[in-house]
Amino acid sequence: MIVPFDDEDKAHFLCGLLNSEIGRMRINRSITSEAHKDIINVLPLQKFDRKNKLHNEIVKMSKQLHNLAQDGRDLEKLESKLNSIVKELWKIG
């Protein structure tokens, strides 16, 4: 799926949501034999808001994870933090 953005932070916000454990789980549960553009509708996506602390934390985590992944470093601790922030944003236990 290609989603064009004119703002790096908006792109990282979406990446953070999609790459979170809960985001991947919801998408994987709804996949049928073929992927389609409507698959993203299974997530409670919000418009990126620079004034929202959780949104900015997701952007920060996404950027850090992308940098670490390029270096081949361990991502587990940072991924866990991202998952916690997304769960808080989506008000999940």
C-alpha atoms as a PDB file:
ATOM      1  CA  MET A   1       0.000   0.000   0.000  1.00  0.00           C
ATOM      2  CA  ILE A   2       1.324   3.436  -0.905  1.00  0.00           C
ATOM      3  CA  VAL A   3       0.062   6.440   1.015  1.00  0.00           C
ATOM      4  CA  PRO A   4       1.507   9.753  -0.184  1.00  0.00           C
ATOM      5  CA  PHE A   5       2.386  12.403   2.395  1.00  0.00           C
ATOM      6  CA  ASP A   6       3.720  15.925   2.153  1.00  0.00           C
ATOM      7  CA  ASP A   7       4.841  15.870   5.780  1.00  0.00           C
ATOM      8  CA  GLU A   8       7.352  13.450   7.308  1.00  0.00           C
ATOM      9  CA  ASP A   9       5.713  13.528  10.744  1.00  0.00           C
ATOM     10  CA  LYS A  10       2.315  12.572   9.307  1.00  0.00           C
ATOM     11  CA  ALA A  11       3.951   9.654   7.494  1.00  0.00           C
ATOM     12  CA  HIS A  12       5.693   8.470  10.667  1.00  0.00           C
ATOM     13  CA  PHE A  13       2.464   8.789  12.641  1.00  0.00           C
ATOM     14  CA  LEU A  14       0.709   6.411  10.240  1.00  0.00           C
ATOM     15  CA  CYS A  15       3.740   4.080  10.151  1.00  0.00           C
ATOM     16  CA  GLY A  16       3.773   3.947  13.932  1.00  0.00           C
ATOM     17  CA  LEU A  17       0.095   3.032  14.079  1.00  0.00           C
ATOM     18  CA  LEU A  18       0.367   0.427  11.327  1.00  0.00           C
ATOM     19  CA  ASN A  19       3.545  -1.101  12.746  1.00  0.00           C
ATOM     20  CA  SER A  20       2.292  -1.312  16.304  1.00  0.00           C
ATOM     21  CA  GLU A  21       1.466  -4.767  17.611  1.00  0.00           C
ATOM     22  CA  ILE A  22      -2.252  -3.947  17.934  1.00  0.00           C
ATOM     23  CA  GLY A  23      -2.334  -2.386  14.457  1.00  0.00           C
ATOM     24  CA  ARG A  24      -0.718  -5.440  12.861  1.00  0.00           C
ATOM     25  CA  MET A  25      -2.963  -7.796  14.835  1.00  0.00           C
ATOM     26  CA  ARG A  26      -6.162  -6.064  13.719  1.00  0.00           C
ATOM     27  CA  ILE A  27      -5.043  -5.967  10.109  1.00  0.00           C
ATOM     28  CA  ASN A  28      -3.931  -9.609  10.125  1.00  0.00           C
ATOM     29  CA  ARG A  29      -7.259 -10.739  11.615  1.00  0.00           C
ATOM     30  CA  SER A  30      -9.164  -9.087   8.790  1.00  0.00           C
ATOM     31  CA  ILE A  31      -7.024 -10.258   5.872  1.00  0.00           C
ATOM     32  CA  THR A  32      -8.740 -12.555   3.432  1.00  0.00           C
ATOM     33  CA  SER A  33      -7.176 -14.249   0.425  1.00  0.00           C
ATOM     34  CA  GLU A  34      -6.316 -10.884  -1.131  1.00  0.00           C
ATOM     35  CA  ALA A  35      -5.283  -7.567   0.312  1.00  0.00           C
ATOM     36  CA  HIS A  36      -7.328  -4.488  -0.520  1.00  0.00           C
ATOM     37  CA  LYS A  37      -7.273  -0.784   0.244  1.00  0.00           C
ATOM     38  CA  ASP A  38     -10.201  -1.037   2.665  1.00  0.00           C
ATOM     39  CA  ILE A  39      -8.138  -3.173   5.036  1.00  0.00           C
ATOM     40  CA  ILE A  40      -6.945   0.002   6.740  1.00  0.00           C
ATOM     41  CA  ASN A  41     -10.520   0.714   7.853  1.00  0.00           C
ATOM     42  CA  VAL A  42     -10.169  -1.901  10.625  1.00  0.00           C
ATOM     43  CA  LEU A  43      -8.037   0.586  12.561  1.00  0.00           C
ATOM     44  CA  PRO A  44      -9.331   3.615  14.470  1.00  0.00           C
ATOM     45  CA  LEU A  45      -7.085   6.030  12.596  1.00  0.00           C
ATOM     46  CA  GLN A  46      -7.081   9.669  13.563  1.00  0.00           C
ATOM     47  CA  LYS A  47      -5.871  12.711  11.714  1.00  0.00           C
ATOM     48  CA  PHE A  48      -2.383  13.660  12.895  1.00  0.00           C
ATOM     49  CA  ASP A  49      -2.470  16.488  15.420  1.00  0.00           C
ATOM     50  CA  ARG A  50       0.863  18.154  16.286  1.00  0.00           C
ATOM     51  CA  LYS A  51      -0.682  19.400  19.543  1.00  0.00           C
ATOM     52  CA  ASN A  52      -1.484  15.857  20.712  1.00  0.00           C
ATOM     53  CA  LYS A  53       1.258  14.491  22.985  1.00  0.00           C
ATOM     54  CA  LEU A  54       0.523  10.853  22.097  1.00  0.00           C
ATOM     55  CA  HIS A  55       0.622  11.608  18.369  1.00  0.00           C
ATOM     56  CA  ASN A  56       4.040  13.228  18.779  1.00  0.00           C
ATOM     57  CA  GLU A  57       5.303  10.292  20.856  1.00  0.00           C
ATOM     58  CA  ILE A  58       4.233   7.883  18.093  1.00  0.00           C
ATOM     59  CA  VAL A  59       6.093   9.996  15.520  1.00  0.00           C
ATOM     60  CA  LYS A  60       9.200  10.013  17.731  1.00  0.00           C
ATOM     61  CA  MET A  61       9.072   6.227  18.253  1.00  0.00           C
ATOM     62  CA  SER A  62       8.520   5.581  14.539  1.00  0.00           C
ATOM     63  CA  LYS A  63      11.517   7.700  13.563  1.00  0.00           C
ATOM     64  CA  GLN A  64      13.729   6.004  16.144  1.00  0.00           C
ATOM     65  CA  LEU A  65      12.578   2.542  15.072  1.00  0.00           C
ATOM     66  CA  HIS A  66      13.250   3.296  11.409  1.00  0.00           C
ATOM     67  CA  ASN A  67      16.774   4.485  12.258  1.00  0.00           C
ATOM     68  CA  LEU A  68      17.509   1.473  14.456  1.00  0.00           C
ATOM     69  CA  ALA A  69      16.152  -0.956  11.871  1.00  0.00           C
ATOM     70  CA  GLN A  70      18.468   0.515   9.231  1.00  0.00           C
ATOM     71  CA  ASP A  71      21.386  -0.121  11.568  1.00  0.00           C
ATOM     72  CA  GLY A  72      20.234  -3.702  12.221  1.00  0.00           C
ATOM     73  CA  ARG A  73      19.857  -3.051  15.943  1.00  0.00           C
ATOM     74  CA  ASP A  74      17.477  -4.652  18.437  1.00  0.00           C
ATOM     75  CA  LEU A  75      14.055  -3.017  18.351  1.00  0.00           C
ATOM     76  CA  GLU A  76      12.209  -4.924  21.070  1.00  0.00           C
ATOM     77  CA  LYS A  77      12.370  -2.320  23.861  1.00  0.00           C
ATOM     78  CA  LEU A  78      11.354   0.567  21.591  1.00  0.00           C
ATOM     79  CA  GLU A  79       8.604  -1.491  19.916  1.00  0.00           C
ATOM     80  CA  SER A  80       7.178  -2.252  23.347  1.00  0.00           C
ATOM     81  CA  LYS A  81       7.076   1.464  24.153  1.00  0.00           C
ATOM     82  CA  LEU A  82       5.367   2.213  20.805  1.00  0.00           C
ATOM     83  CA  ASN A  83       2.782  -0.490  21.527  1.00  0.00           C
ATOM     84  CA  SER A  84       2.015   1.056  24.914  1.00  0.00           C
ATOM     85  CA  ILE A  85       1.533   4.515  23.411  1.00  0.00           C
ATOM     86  CA  VAL A  86      -0.773   3.229  20.646  1.00  0.00           C
ATOM     87  CA  LYS A  87      -2.820   1.262  23.191  1.00  0.00           C
ATOM     88  CA  GLU A  88      -3.184   4.418  25.268  1.00  0.00           C
ATOM     89  CA  LEU A  89      -4.228   6.430  22.193  1.00  0.00           C
ATOM     90  CA  TRP A  90      -6.804   3.813  21.200  1.00  0.00           C
ATOM     91  CA  LYS A  91      -7.879   3.345  24.834  1.00  0.00           C
ATOM     92  CA  ILE A  92      -7.074  -0.365  24.905  1.00  0.00           C
ATOM     93  CA  GLY A  93      -6.531  -2.046  28.306  1.00  0.00           C
END
